[in-house]
Amino acid sequence: MKSKIGILGSGIVAQVLADGFLKYGYEVKMGTRHAEKLSNWAGKDHHNASIGTFREAAGFGEIIVLAVSGKGAHEVLNLAGADQLSGKTIIDVTNPIEPAPPENGVLKFFTKMNESLMERLQKAFPEARFVKSFSCVGNAFMVNPQFTDGKPTMFICGNDDSSKSDVHYILGQFGWDVADMGKAEAARAIEPLCMLWCIPGLTENSWSHAFKLLRK
């Protein structure tokens, strides 16, 4: 299994996932334009962790995690460099959330129904291997979620089976049941789960939940 993780992003989601990878023995390089945003994170007792530019993190990572806002995803990948992304698994955590107020608890997306942000990114960087994951749950539950009804389900999709296998392995370590929904087009269904997940939070301030796929 690949052991070097390059994380593009410096927000709470990027930090939570970085801590998760470090917990399970991976080496991590965080990529950011603003290293000061990671000052508190860097001050922790982190072994096997470092901070660099987006390009440095992408070059370091055998697997890359894209953990930035949906609006900024394309620009960040450009800064990372298509040559550094080529042939690599990119765990796409992004959602196409419009920076506008939700309507009755429903977020607004800047994509249309018959497209997804991940498809846009895959088209823009065809040599990279995108896998949608971690996009339908809050950061508090991304690593080793604990629920009374057992393991929650993480829905993934992507065009490359070997990359999905990498992500499946990581999700198993992180305590998730995994449901592979197929090729990149399935992100059209997975990304809106972010909307659904956020409704109880935005309307009732209830954020302690996750999805589970029941199989017979």
N, C-alpha and C. Protein backbone atom coordinates (compact mmCIF):
# COMPACT_ATOMS: atom_id res chain seq x y z
N MET A 1 0.83 -1.20 0.00
CA MET A 1 0.00 0.00 0.00
C MET A 1 0.87 1.25 0.00
N LYS A 2 0.48 2.26 -0.76
CA LYS A 2 1.23 3.51 -0.83
C LYS A 2 1.18 4.19 0.54
N SER A 3 2.31 4.80 0.93
CA SER A 3 2.41 5.31 2.30
C SER A 3 2.60 6.81 2.40
N LYS A 4 2.78 7.51 1.27
CA LYS A 4 2.99 8.95 1.31
C LYS A 4 1.74 9.67 0.80
N ILE A 5 1.22 10.57 1.64
CA ILE A 5 -0.03 11.27 1.34
C ILE A 5 0.25 12.76 1.19
N GLY A 6 -0.12 13.33 0.08
CA GLY A 6 -0.07 14.77 -0.13
C GLY A 6 -1.46 15.35 -0.01
N ILE A 7 -1.66 16.25 0.93
CA ILE A 7 -2.98 16.83 1.15
C ILE A 7 -2.98 18.26 0.66
N LEU A 8 -3.90 18.55 -0.25
CA LEU A 8 -4.06 19.90 -0.79
C LEU A 8 -5.16 20.59 0.00
N GLY A 9 -4.76 21.51 0.88
CA GLY A 9 -5.72 22.20 1.72
C GLY A 9 -5.18 22.40 3.11
N SER A 10 -5.73 23.39 3.83
CA SER A 10 -5.25 23.69 5.18
C SER A 10 -6.39 23.92 6.16
N GLY A 11 -7.63 23.67 5.75
CA GLY A 11 -8.78 23.85 6.62
C GLY A 11 -8.97 22.68 7.56
N ILE A 12 -10.08 22.70 8.28
CA ILE A 12 -10.33 21.67 9.29
C ILE A 12 -10.45 20.29 8.67
N VAL A 13 -11.08 20.17 7.51
CA VAL A 13 -11.20 18.86 6.86
C VAL A 13 -9.83 18.31 6.51
N ALA A 14 -8.98 19.15 5.93
CA ALA A 14 -7.63 18.71 5.59
C ALA A 14 -6.87 18.28 6.84
N GLN A 15 -7.03 19.02 7.92
CA GLN A 15 -6.31 18.70 9.15
C GLN A 15 -6.81 17.40 9.78
N VAL A 16 -8.12 17.21 9.79
CA VAL A 16 -8.69 15.98 10.35
C VAL A 16 -8.20 14.77 9.57
N LEU A 17 -8.24 14.85 8.25
CA LEU A 17 -7.78 13.72 7.44
C LEU A 17 -6.28 13.50 7.60
N ALA A 18 -5.52 14.58 7.69
CA ALA A 18 -4.08 14.44 7.91
C ALA A 18 -3.82 13.69 9.21
N ASP A 19 -4.54 14.05 10.27
CA ASP A 19 -4.37 13.36 11.55
C ASP A 19 -4.75 11.88 11.43
N GLY A 20 -5.78 11.60 10.64
CA GLY A 20 -6.17 10.22 10.43
C GLY A 20 -5.09 9.41 9.74
N PHE A 21 -4.50 9.98 8.71
CA PHE A 21 -3.43 9.27 8.01
C PHE A 21 -2.22 9.08 8.91
N LEU A 22 -1.88 10.09 9.68
CA LEU A 22 -0.74 9.97 10.59
C LEU A 22 -1.01 8.90 11.65
N LYS A 23 -2.23 8.82 12.11
CA LYS A 23 -2.61 7.80 13.10
C LYS A 23 -2.31 6.40 12.61
N TYR A 24 -2.49 6.19 11.30
CA TYR A 24 -2.29 4.85 10.74
C TYR A 24 -0.94 4.69 10.05
N GLY A 25 0.01 5.55 10.40
CA GLY A 25 1.39 5.32 9.99
C GLY A 25 1.80 5.86 8.64
N TYR A 26 0.96 6.68 8.02
CA TYR A 26 1.33 7.28 6.74
C TYR A 26 2.22 8.50 6.97
N GLU A 27 2.99 8.85 5.95
CA GLU A 27 3.71 10.12 5.93
C GLU A 27 2.83 11.15 5.22
N VAL A 28 2.79 12.36 5.75
CA VAL A 28 1.87 13.37 5.24
C VAL A 28 2.60 14.68 4.97
N LYS A 29 2.33 15.27 3.82
CA LYS A 29 2.76 16.65 3.54
C LYS A 29 1.51 17.46 3.21
N MET A 30 1.31 18.51 3.97
CA MET A 30 0.19 19.41 3.76
C MET A 30 0.58 20.49 2.76
N GLY A 31 -0.25 20.72 1.75
CA GLY A 31 0.01 21.76 0.77
C GLY A 31 -0.91 22.94 0.99
N THR A 32 -0.34 24.14 1.00
CA THR A 32 -1.13 25.34 1.28
C THR A 32 -0.45 26.57 0.69
N ARG A 33 -1.24 27.62 0.48
CA ARG A 33 -0.68 28.92 0.14
C ARG A 33 -0.44 29.76 1.39
N HIS A 34 -1.03 29.32 2.49
CA HIS A 34 -0.99 30.12 3.72
C HIS A 34 -0.58 29.22 4.88
N ALA A 35 0.72 29.04 5.05
CA ALA A 35 1.23 28.14 6.08
C ALA A 35 0.79 28.56 7.48
N GLU A 36 0.50 29.86 7.67
CA GLU A 36 0.09 30.32 8.99
C GLU A 36 -1.24 29.70 9.43
N LYS A 37 -2.05 29.27 8.46
CA LYS A 37 -3.31 28.62 8.80
C LYS A 37 -3.07 27.27 9.50
N LEU A 38 -1.88 26.73 9.32
CA LEU A 38 -1.55 25.44 9.91
C LEU A 38 -0.65 25.57 11.13
N SER A 39 -0.52 26.77 11.67
CA SER A 39 0.40 26.98 12.79
C SER A 39 0.01 26.14 14.01
N ASN A 40 -1.28 26.11 14.34
CA ASN A 40 -1.72 25.31 15.49
C ASN A 40 -1.53 23.82 15.21
N TRP A 41 -1.87 23.40 13.99
CA TRP A 41 -1.72 21.99 13.62
C TRP A 41 -0.24 21.60 13.65
N ALA A 42 0.60 22.45 13.12
CA ALA A 42 2.04 22.15 13.07
C ALA A 42 2.65 22.13 14.47
N GLY A 43 2.02 22.82 15.41
CA GLY A 43 2.54 22.85 16.77
C GLY A 43 2.29 21.59 17.56
N LYS A 44 1.44 20.71 17.04
CA LYS A 44 1.20 19.44 17.72
C LYS A 44 2.38 18.51 17.51
N ASP A 45 2.41 17.44 18.27
CA ASP A 45 3.52 16.48 18.19
C ASP A 45 3.29 15.54 17.01
N HIS A 46 3.53 16.07 15.80
CA HIS A 46 3.29 15.31 14.59
C HIS A 46 4.60 14.72 14.06
N HIS A 47 4.69 13.42 14.08
CA HIS A 47 5.81 12.75 13.43
C HIS A 47 5.40 12.45 11.98
N ASN A 48 6.36 12.39 11.11
CA ASN A 48 6.11 12.06 9.70
C ASN A 48 5.19 13.06 9.01
N ALA A 49 5.23 14.33 9.45
CA ALA A 49 4.37 15.35 8.85
C ALA A 49 5.21 16.57 8.47
N SER A 50 4.83 17.22 7.38
CA SER A 50 5.51 18.43 6.95
C SER A 50 4.53 19.30 6.18
N ILE A 51 4.94 20.53 5.91
CA ILE A 51 4.11 21.51 5.22
C ILE A 51 4.88 22.07 4.05
N GLY A 52 4.19 22.26 2.94
CA GLY A 52 4.83 22.84 1.76
C GLY A 52 3.81 23.53 0.88
N THR A 53 4.19 23.81 -0.34
CA THR A 53 3.27 24.38 -1.32
C THR A 53 2.37 23.28 -1.87
N PHE A 54 1.37 23.69 -2.62
CA PHE A 54 0.50 22.71 -3.27
C PHE A 54 1.32 21.80 -4.19
N ARG A 55 2.24 22.40 -4.92
CA ARG A 55 3.06 21.60 -5.85
C ARG A 55 3.96 20.63 -5.09
N GLU A 56 4.52 21.08 -3.99
CA GLU A 56 5.39 20.21 -3.20
C GLU A 56 4.60 19.05 -2.60
N ALA A 57 3.40 19.34 -2.11
CA ALA A 57 2.57 18.27 -1.53
C ALA A 57 2.15 17.28 -2.60
N ALA A 58 1.80 17.78 -3.79
CA ALA A 58 1.41 16.89 -4.88
C ALA A 58 2.58 16.02 -5.33
N GLY A 59 3.76 16.60 -5.38
CA GLY A 59 4.93 15.83 -5.77
C GLY A 59 5.30 14.79 -4.74
N PHE A 60 5.09 15.10 -3.47
CA PHE A 60 5.41 14.18 -2.38
C PHE A 60 4.46 12.99 -2.34
N GLY A 61 3.19 13.25 -2.55
CA GLY A 61 2.17 12.24 -2.32
C GLY A 61 2.13 11.15 -3.38
N GLU A 62 2.10 9.91 -2.91
CA GLU A 62 1.77 8.80 -3.80
C GLU A 62 0.26 8.75 -4.00
N ILE A 63 -0.46 9.20 -2.97
CA ILE A 63 -1.90 9.44 -3.03
C ILE A 63 -2.12 10.88 -2.61
N ILE A 64 -3.03 11.57 -3.30
CA ILE A 64 -3.29 12.98 -3.03
C ILE A 64 -4.73 13.13 -2.52
N VAL A 65 -4.90 14.00 -1.55
CA VAL A 65 -6.23 14.32 -1.03
C VAL A 65 -6.55 15.76 -1.39
N LEU A 66 -7.66 15.96 -2.09
CA LEU A 66 -8.11 17.30 -2.46
C LEU A 66 -9.16 17.73 -1.45
N ALA A 67 -8.75 18.60 -0.51
CA ALA A 67 -9.63 19.00 0.59
C ALA A 67 -9.69 20.51 0.67
N VAL A 68 -10.28 21.10 -0.36
CA VAL A 68 -10.44 22.55 -0.44
C VAL A 68 -11.89 22.84 -0.81
N SER A 69 -12.25 24.11 -0.86
CA SER A 69 -13.61 24.45 -1.28
C SER A 69 -13.82 24.07 -2.73
N GLY A 70 -15.05 23.73 -3.07
CA GLY A 70 -15.35 23.37 -4.44
C GLY A 70 -15.01 24.48 -5.42
N LYS A 71 -15.26 25.72 -5.02
CA LYS A 71 -14.99 26.86 -5.89
C LYS A 71 -13.50 26.99 -6.21
N GLY A 72 -12.65 26.60 -5.26
CA GLY A 72 -11.22 26.76 -5.46
C GLY A 72 -10.50 25.54 -5.97
N ALA A 73 -11.23 24.43 -6.18
CA ALA A 73 -10.59 23.15 -6.49
C ALA A 73 -9.76 23.18 -7.76
N HIS A 74 -10.31 23.74 -8.83
CA HIS A 74 -9.61 23.74 -10.11
C HIS A 74 -8.32 24.56 -10.01
N GLU A 75 -8.39 25.72 -9.37
CA GLU A 75 -7.20 26.56 -9.23
C GLU A 75 -6.13 25.85 -8.41
N VAL A 76 -6.52 25.19 -7.33
CA VAL A 76 -5.55 24.49 -6.49
C VAL A 76 -4.86 23.38 -7.27
N LEU A 77 -5.62 22.64 -8.06
CA LEU A 77 -5.02 21.59 -8.87
C LEU A 77 -4.07 22.16 -9.91
N ASN A 78 -4.41 23.31 -10.46
CA ASN A 78 -3.49 23.97 -11.39
C ASN A 78 -2.19 24.34 -10.69
N LEU A 79 -2.29 24.84 -9.46
CA LEU A 79 -1.10 25.21 -8.71
C LEU A 79 -0.28 23.97 -8.34
N ALA A 80 -0.96 22.87 -8.09
CA ALA A 80 -0.25 21.62 -7.79
C ALA A 80 0.52 21.12 -9.01
N GLY A 81 -0.06 21.34 -10.19
CA GLY A 81 0.61 20.97 -11.43
C GLY A 81 0.13 19.66 -12.00
N ALA A 82 -0.36 19.69 -13.23
CA ALA A 82 -0.85 18.48 -13.88
C ALA A 82 0.21 17.40 -13.94
N ASP A 83 1.48 17.80 -14.10
CA ASP A 83 2.56 16.82 -14.17
C ASP A 83 2.75 16.09 -12.84
N GLN A 84 2.44 16.75 -11.72
CA GLN A 84 2.56 16.12 -10.41
C GLN A 84 1.36 15.24 -10.06
N LEU A 85 0.25 15.45 -10.77
CA LEU A 85 -0.98 14.70 -10.51
C LEU A 85 -1.10 13.47 -11.41
N SER A 86 -0.39 13.44 -12.49
CA SER A 86 -0.54 12.40 -13.50
C SER A 86 -0.32 11.00 -12.93
N GLY A 87 -1.28 10.13 -13.17
CA GLY A 87 -1.17 8.74 -12.76
C GLY A 87 -1.45 8.49 -11.29
N LYS A 88 -1.77 9.52 -10.52
CA LYS A 88 -1.95 9.37 -9.08
C LYS A 88 -3.43 9.33 -8.69
N THR A 89 -3.71 8.59 -7.63
CA THR A 89 -5.03 8.59 -7.04
C THR A 89 -5.25 9.92 -6.34
N ILE A 90 -6.37 10.58 -6.66
CA ILE A 90 -6.74 11.82 -5.98
C ILE A 90 -8.06 11.59 -5.26
N ILE A 91 -8.02 11.58 -3.94
CA ILE A 91 -9.24 11.45 -3.15
C ILE A 91 -9.92 12.81 -3.14
N ASP A 92 -11.06 12.88 -3.81
CA ASP A 92 -11.77 14.14 -4.00
C ASP A 92 -12.83 14.31 -2.93
N VAL A 93 -12.55 15.20 -1.98
CA VAL A 93 -13.44 15.44 -0.85
C VAL A 93 -14.38 16.62 -1.12
N THR A 94 -14.22 17.27 -2.27
CA THR A 94 -14.91 18.54 -2.52
C THR A 94 -16.38 18.35 -2.84
N ASN A 95 -17.13 19.43 -2.63
CA ASN A 95 -18.52 19.53 -3.06
C ASN A 95 -18.72 20.89 -3.74
N PRO A 96 -19.59 20.94 -4.75
CA PRO A 96 -19.77 22.19 -5.51
C PRO A 96 -20.73 23.15 -4.81
N ILE A 97 -20.39 23.55 -3.59
CA ILE A 97 -21.28 24.40 -2.81
C ILE A 97 -21.15 25.85 -3.25
N GLU A 98 -22.26 26.45 -3.56
CA GLU A 98 -22.31 27.86 -3.94
C GLU A 98 -22.21 28.71 -2.67
N PRO A 99 -21.35 29.74 -2.68
CA PRO A 99 -21.26 30.62 -1.50
C PRO A 99 -22.47 31.53 -1.40
N ALA A 100 -23.60 30.92 -1.11
CA ALA A 100 -24.86 31.65 -0.99
C ALA A 100 -25.66 31.04 0.15
N PRO A 101 -26.57 31.80 0.76
CA PRO A 101 -27.34 31.27 1.89
C PRO A 101 -28.16 30.05 1.47
N PRO A 102 -28.26 29.04 2.34
CA PRO A 102 -29.13 27.89 2.03
C PRO A 102 -30.59 28.32 2.05
N GLU A 103 -31.41 27.54 1.37
CA GLU A 103 -32.85 27.82 1.30
C GLU A 103 -33.58 26.74 2.09
N ASN A 104 -34.16 27.13 3.24
CA ASN A 104 -34.82 26.17 4.13
C ASN A 104 -33.91 24.99 4.45
N GLY A 105 -32.65 25.30 4.70
CA GLY A 105 -31.69 24.27 5.07
C GLY A 105 -31.04 23.54 3.92
N VAL A 106 -31.38 23.90 2.70
CA VAL A 106 -30.83 23.21 1.52
C VAL A 106 -29.75 24.07 0.89
N LEU A 107 -28.55 23.52 0.84
CA LEU A 107 -27.43 24.22 0.23
C LEU A 107 -27.67 24.41 -1.27
N LYS A 108 -27.01 25.40 -1.83
CA LYS A 108 -27.08 25.61 -3.28
C LYS A 108 -25.76 25.16 -3.91
N PHE A 109 -25.88 24.49 -5.05
CA PHE A 109 -24.72 24.01 -5.81
C PHE A 109 -24.54 24.86 -7.06
N PHE A 110 -23.28 24.94 -7.52
CA PHE A 110 -23.02 25.65 -8.77
C PHE A 110 -22.96 24.71 -9.97
N THR A 111 -23.16 23.44 -9.76
CA THR A 111 -23.25 22.48 -10.86
C THR A 111 -24.71 22.22 -11.21
N LYS A 112 -24.92 21.57 -12.34
CA LYS A 112 -26.27 21.19 -12.77
C LYS A 112 -26.50 19.72 -12.46
N MET A 113 -27.73 19.26 -12.63
CA MET A 113 -28.09 17.91 -12.22
C MET A 113 -27.32 16.85 -13.01
N ASN A 114 -27.09 17.08 -14.28
CA ASN A 114 -26.44 16.06 -15.11
C ASN A 114 -24.93 16.28 -15.25
N GLU A 115 -24.32 16.78 -14.20
CA GLU A 115 -22.87 16.90 -14.13
C GLU A 115 -22.49 16.92 -12.65
N SER A 116 -21.21 16.77 -12.40
CA SER A 116 -20.70 16.87 -11.04
C SER A 116 -19.39 17.63 -11.06
N LEU A 117 -18.99 18.11 -9.91
CA LEU A 117 -17.71 18.79 -9.82
C LEU A 117 -16.58 17.82 -10.13
N MET A 118 -16.67 16.60 -9.63
CA MET A 118 -15.58 15.66 -9.90
C MET A 118 -15.43 15.37 -11.39
N GLU A 119 -16.53 15.29 -12.12
CA GLU A 119 -16.43 15.09 -13.56
C GLU A 119 -15.72 16.26 -14.23
N ARG A 120 -16.02 17.46 -13.78
CA ARG A 120 -15.33 18.63 -14.32
C ARG A 120 -13.82 18.53 -14.07
N LEU A 121 -13.46 18.14 -12.86
CA LEU A 121 -12.04 18.06 -12.51
C LEU A 121 -11.36 16.92 -13.27
N GLN A 122 -12.05 15.79 -13.41
CA GLN A 122 -11.47 14.67 -14.16
C GLN A 122 -11.25 15.04 -15.62
N LYS A 123 -12.17 15.81 -16.18
CA LYS A 123 -12.02 16.25 -17.57
C LYS A 123 -10.85 17.23 -17.72
N ALA A 124 -10.68 18.10 -16.72
CA ALA A 124 -9.61 19.09 -16.78
C ALA A 124 -8.24 18.47 -16.55
N PHE A 125 -8.20 17.37 -15.78
CA PHE A 125 -6.93 16.69 -15.47
C PHE A 125 -7.08 15.21 -15.81
N PRO A 126 -7.10 14.89 -17.11
CA PRO A 126 -7.45 13.52 -17.54
C PRO A 126 -6.45 12.46 -17.13
N GLU A 127 -5.21 12.83 -16.83
CA GLU A 127 -4.21 11.83 -16.45
C GLU A 127 -4.24 11.51 -14.96
N ALA A 128 -5.00 12.26 -14.18
CA ALA A 128 -5.17 11.98 -12.76
C ALA A 128 -6.30 10.98 -12.57
N ARG A 129 -6.34 10.35 -11.41
CA ARG A 129 -7.32 9.30 -11.15
C ARG A 129 -8.17 9.68 -9.93
N PHE A 130 -9.24 10.39 -10.20
CA PHE A 130 -10.08 10.92 -9.14
C PHE A 130 -11.00 9.85 -8.55
N VAL A 131 -11.13 9.89 -7.24
CA VAL A 131 -12.09 9.03 -6.52
C VAL A 131 -12.84 9.91 -5.54
N LYS A 132 -14.14 10.00 -5.71
CA LYS A 132 -14.97 10.78 -4.78
C LYS A 132 -15.07 10.03 -3.46
N SER A 133 -14.81 10.74 -2.34
CA SER A 133 -14.90 10.10 -1.02
C SER A 133 -14.91 11.18 0.05
N PHE A 134 -15.40 10.84 1.23
CA PHE A 134 -15.46 11.74 2.39
C PHE A 134 -16.33 12.97 2.15
N SER A 135 -17.14 12.97 1.12
CA SER A 135 -17.89 14.17 0.75
C SER A 135 -19.29 14.23 1.33
N CYS A 136 -19.73 13.15 1.98
CA CYS A 136 -21.13 13.10 2.43
C CYS A 136 -21.23 12.96 3.95
N VAL A 137 -20.24 13.52 4.67
CA VAL A 137 -20.27 13.46 6.13
C VAL A 137 -19.43 14.62 6.66
N GLY A 138 -19.72 15.06 7.90
CA GLY A 138 -18.95 16.13 8.50
C GLY A 138 -17.59 15.66 8.98
N ASN A 139 -16.68 16.60 9.13
CA ASN A 139 -15.30 16.25 9.47
C ASN A 139 -15.18 15.51 10.80
N ALA A 140 -16.11 15.71 11.72
CA ALA A 140 -16.04 15.06 13.03
C ALA A 140 -16.14 13.54 12.95
N PHE A 141 -16.67 13.05 11.82
CA PHE A 141 -16.90 11.61 11.68
C PHE A 141 -16.08 10.99 10.55
N MET A 142 -15.14 11.71 10.00
CA MET A 142 -14.40 11.18 8.85
C MET A 142 -13.45 10.05 9.23
N VAL A 143 -12.93 10.10 10.44
CA VAL A 143 -11.96 9.08 10.87
C VAL A 143 -12.54 8.34 12.08
N ASN A 144 -12.69 7.02 11.92
CA ASN A 144 -13.20 6.15 12.99
C ASN A 144 -14.51 6.64 13.60
N PRO A 145 -15.55 6.80 12.77
CA PRO A 145 -16.85 7.24 13.28
C PRO A 145 -17.47 6.19 14.20
N GLN A 146 -18.09 6.65 15.26
CA GLN A 146 -18.71 5.74 16.22
C GLN A 146 -20.21 6.01 16.27
N PHE A 147 -20.99 5.02 15.82
CA PHE A 147 -22.44 5.11 15.85
C PHE A 147 -23.02 3.85 16.47
N THR A 148 -24.15 3.98 17.13
CA THR A 148 -24.74 2.83 17.82
C THR A 148 -25.20 1.75 16.85
N ASP A 149 -25.50 2.12 15.61
CA ASP A 149 -25.99 1.15 14.63
C ASP A 149 -24.88 0.56 13.76
N GLY A 150 -23.64 0.69 14.20
CA GLY A 150 -22.54 0.08 13.47
C GLY A 150 -21.86 1.03 12.51
N LYS A 151 -21.10 0.45 11.60
CA LYS A 151 -20.32 1.26 10.66
C LYS A 151 -21.24 2.00 9.68
N PRO A 152 -21.01 3.29 9.49
CA PRO A 152 -21.73 3.99 8.43
C PRO A 152 -21.12 3.68 7.07
N THR A 153 -21.80 4.08 6.02
CA THR A 153 -21.37 3.79 4.65
C THR A 153 -20.77 5.02 4.01
N MET A 154 -19.62 4.84 3.40
CA MET A 154 -19.03 5.88 2.56
C MET A 154 -19.22 5.49 1.11
N PHE A 155 -19.85 6.38 0.36
CA PHE A 155 -20.10 6.15 -1.06
C PHE A 155 -18.92 6.71 -1.86
N ILE A 156 -18.38 5.90 -2.76
CA ILE A 156 -17.25 6.32 -3.58
C ILE A 156 -17.57 6.07 -5.05
N CYS A 157 -16.83 6.73 -5.92
CA CYS A 157 -16.91 6.44 -7.35
C CYS A 157 -15.65 6.97 -8.01
N GLY A 158 -15.39 6.49 -9.22
CA GLY A 158 -14.22 6.91 -9.98
C GLY A 158 -14.00 5.97 -11.15
N ASN A 159 -13.22 6.40 -12.10
CA ASN A 159 -13.03 5.62 -13.33
C ASN A 159 -11.97 4.54 -13.23
N ASP A 160 -11.05 4.67 -12.26
CA ASP A 160 -9.92 3.74 -12.17
C ASP A 160 -10.12 2.78 -11.01
N ASP A 161 -10.18 1.48 -11.32
CA ASP A 161 -10.46 0.48 -10.29
C ASP A 161 -9.32 0.36 -9.27
N SER A 162 -8.07 0.48 -9.71
CA SER A 162 -6.97 0.35 -8.77
C SER A 162 -6.96 1.52 -7.79
N SER A 163 -7.31 2.70 -8.26
CA SER A 163 -7.40 3.85 -7.36
C SER A 163 -8.53 3.68 -6.36
N LYS A 164 -9.65 3.16 -6.82
CA LYS A 164 -10.76 2.91 -5.89
C LYS A 164 -10.37 1.85 -4.87
N SER A 165 -9.55 0.90 -5.27
CA SER A 165 -9.06 -0.10 -4.34
C SER A 165 -8.20 0.54 -3.25
N ASP A 166 -7.35 1.50 -3.63
CA ASP A 166 -6.55 2.24 -2.66
C ASP A 166 -7.44 2.94 -1.64
N VAL A 167 -8.48 3.60 -2.15
CA VAL A 167 -9.37 4.36 -1.27
C VAL A 167 -10.20 3.42 -0.39
N HIS A 168 -10.61 2.31 -0.96
CA HIS A 168 -11.36 1.31 -0.19
C HIS A 168 -10.53 0.84 1.00
N TYR A 169 -9.26 0.60 0.79
CA TYR A 169 -8.37 0.15 1.86
C TYR A 169 -8.27 1.21 2.95
N ILE A 170 -8.08 2.45 2.56
CA ILE A 170 -7.97 3.55 3.52
C ILE A 170 -9.26 3.69 4.32
N LEU A 171 -10.40 3.63 3.65
CA LEU A 171 -11.68 3.76 4.34
C LEU A 171 -11.88 2.62 5.33
N GLY A 172 -11.41 1.44 4.99
CA GLY A 172 -11.48 0.32 5.93
C GLY A 172 -10.67 0.62 7.18
N GLN A 173 -9.48 1.18 7.00
CA GLN A 173 -8.67 1.56 8.16
C GLN A 173 -9.37 2.62 8.99
N PHE A 174 -10.04 3.53 8.32
CA PHE A 174 -10.69 4.65 9.00
C PHE A 174 -12.06 4.27 9.57
N GLY A 175 -12.45 2.99 9.46
CA GLY A 175 -13.65 2.52 10.13
C GLY A 175 -14.95 2.63 9.35
N TRP A 176 -14.86 2.61 8.03
CA TRP A 176 -16.05 2.77 7.19
C TRP A 176 -16.42 1.49 6.45
N ASP A 177 -17.71 1.30 6.26
CA ASP A 177 -18.23 0.40 5.24
C ASP A 177 -18.15 1.17 3.92
N VAL A 178 -17.87 0.49 2.84
CA VAL A 178 -17.67 1.17 1.55
C VAL A 178 -18.67 0.68 0.53
N ALA A 179 -19.27 1.60 -0.20
CA ALA A 179 -20.17 1.27 -1.29
C ALA A 179 -19.66 1.94 -2.56
N ASP A 180 -19.17 1.14 -3.49
CA ASP A 180 -18.64 1.63 -4.77
C ASP A 180 -19.81 1.82 -5.73
N MET A 181 -20.04 3.05 -6.12
CA MET A 181 -21.17 3.38 -6.99
C MET A 181 -20.80 3.40 -8.47
N GLY A 182 -19.55 3.07 -8.81
CA GLY A 182 -19.20 2.95 -10.22
C GLY A 182 -18.32 4.07 -10.72
N LYS A 183 -18.57 4.49 -11.96
CA LYS A 183 -17.70 5.44 -12.65
C LYS A 183 -17.95 6.88 -12.17
N ALA A 184 -17.21 7.81 -12.77
CA ALA A 184 -17.22 9.20 -12.32
C ALA A 184 -18.62 9.83 -12.37
N GLU A 185 -19.46 9.38 -13.29
CA GLU A 185 -20.80 9.95 -13.40
C GLU A 185 -21.61 9.79 -12.11
N ALA A 186 -21.27 8.78 -11.32
CA ALA A 186 -22.00 8.56 -10.07
C ALA A 186 -21.79 9.69 -9.07
N ALA A 187 -20.77 10.52 -9.29
CA ALA A 187 -20.58 11.68 -8.41
C ALA A 187 -21.76 12.63 -8.50
N ARG A 188 -22.52 12.55 -9.60
CA ARG A 188 -23.73 13.38 -9.71
C ARG A 188 -24.74 13.04 -8.62
N ALA A 189 -24.70 11.80 -8.15
CA ALA A 189 -25.59 11.37 -7.08
C ALA A 189 -24.94 11.48 -5.71
N ILE A 190 -23.62 11.29 -5.64
CA ILE A 190 -22.93 11.31 -4.35
C ILE A 190 -22.78 12.73 -3.82
N GLU A 191 -22.40 13.66 -4.68
CA GLU A 191 -22.18 15.03 -4.20
C GLU A 191 -23.42 15.64 -3.54
N PRO A 192 -24.63 15.44 -4.08
CA PRO A 192 -25.80 16.00 -3.41
C PRO A 192 -26.12 15.39 -2.05
N LEU A 193 -25.49 14.26 -1.71
CA LEU A 193 -25.68 13.73 -0.36
C LEU A 193 -25.16 14.72 0.68
N CYS A 194 -24.24 15.59 0.29
CA CYS A 194 -23.79 16.66 1.17
C CYS A 194 -24.96 17.57 1.54
N MET A 195 -25.80 17.88 0.57
CA MET A 195 -27.00 18.68 0.83
C MET A 195 -27.88 17.99 1.86
N LEU A 196 -28.13 16.71 1.62
CA LEU A 196 -29.01 15.95 2.50
C LEU A 196 -28.43 15.86 3.91
N TRP A 197 -27.11 15.62 3.99
CA TRP A 197 -26.48 15.48 5.30
C TRP A 197 -26.59 16.79 6.10
N CYS A 198 -26.51 17.92 5.41
CA CYS A 198 -26.49 19.22 6.09
C CYS A 198 -27.88 19.70 6.53
N ILE A 199 -28.95 19.19 5.96
CA ILE A 199 -30.28 19.71 6.29
C ILE A 199 -30.59 19.63 7.78
N PRO A 200 -30.41 18.49 8.47
CA PRO A 200 -30.70 18.47 9.91
C PRO A 200 -29.82 19.45 10.69
N GLY A 201 -28.60 19.65 10.23
CA GLY A 201 -27.72 20.59 10.91
C GLY A 201 -28.16 22.02 10.73
N LEU A 202 -28.52 22.37 9.51
CA LEU A 202 -28.89 23.75 9.22
C LEU A 202 -30.28 24.12 9.74
N THR A 203 -31.14 23.14 9.90
CA THR A 203 -32.51 23.42 10.35
C THR A 203 -32.73 23.12 11.83
N GLU A 204 -31.95 22.17 12.39
CA GLU A 204 -32.17 21.74 13.77
C GLU A 204 -30.90 21.76 14.61
N ASN A 205 -29.78 22.20 14.02
CA ASN A 205 -28.47 22.17 14.67
C ASN A 205 -28.12 20.76 15.14
N SER A 206 -28.48 19.78 14.33
CA SER A 206 -28.20 18.37 14.61
C SER A 206 -27.21 17.86 13.56
N TRP A 207 -25.99 17.57 14.01
CA TRP A 207 -24.92 17.23 13.08
C TRP A 207 -24.33 15.84 13.31
N SER A 208 -24.92 15.07 14.20
CA SER A 208 -24.32 13.78 14.59
C SER A 208 -25.00 12.61 13.90
N HIS A 209 -24.77 12.50 12.60
CA HIS A 209 -25.41 11.44 11.83
C HIS A 209 -24.54 11.11 10.61
N ALA A 210 -24.84 9.99 10.00
CA ALA A 210 -24.16 9.55 8.78
C ALA A 210 -25.11 8.63 8.03
N PHE A 211 -24.77 8.31 6.80
CA PHE A 211 -25.61 7.44 5.97
C PHE A 211 -25.16 5.98 6.10
N LYS A 212 -26.12 5.09 5.94
CA LYS A 212 -25.80 3.66 5.92
C LYS A 212 -26.63 2.99 4.84
N LEU A 213 -25.95 2.23 3.98
CA LEU A 213 -26.61 1.46 2.93
C LEU A 213 -26.92 0.09 3.50
N LEU A 214 -28.19 -0.31 3.49
CA LEU A 214 -28.60 -1.63 3.97
C LEU A 214 -28.66 -2.59 2.82
N ARG A 215 -28.05 -3.76 2.98
CA ARG A 215 -28.01 -4.76 1.92
C ARG A 215 -28.72 -6.02 2.39
N LYS A 216 -29.40 -6.68 1.50
CA LYS A 216 -30.09 -7.92 1.84
C LYS A 216 -29.31 -9.11 1.28
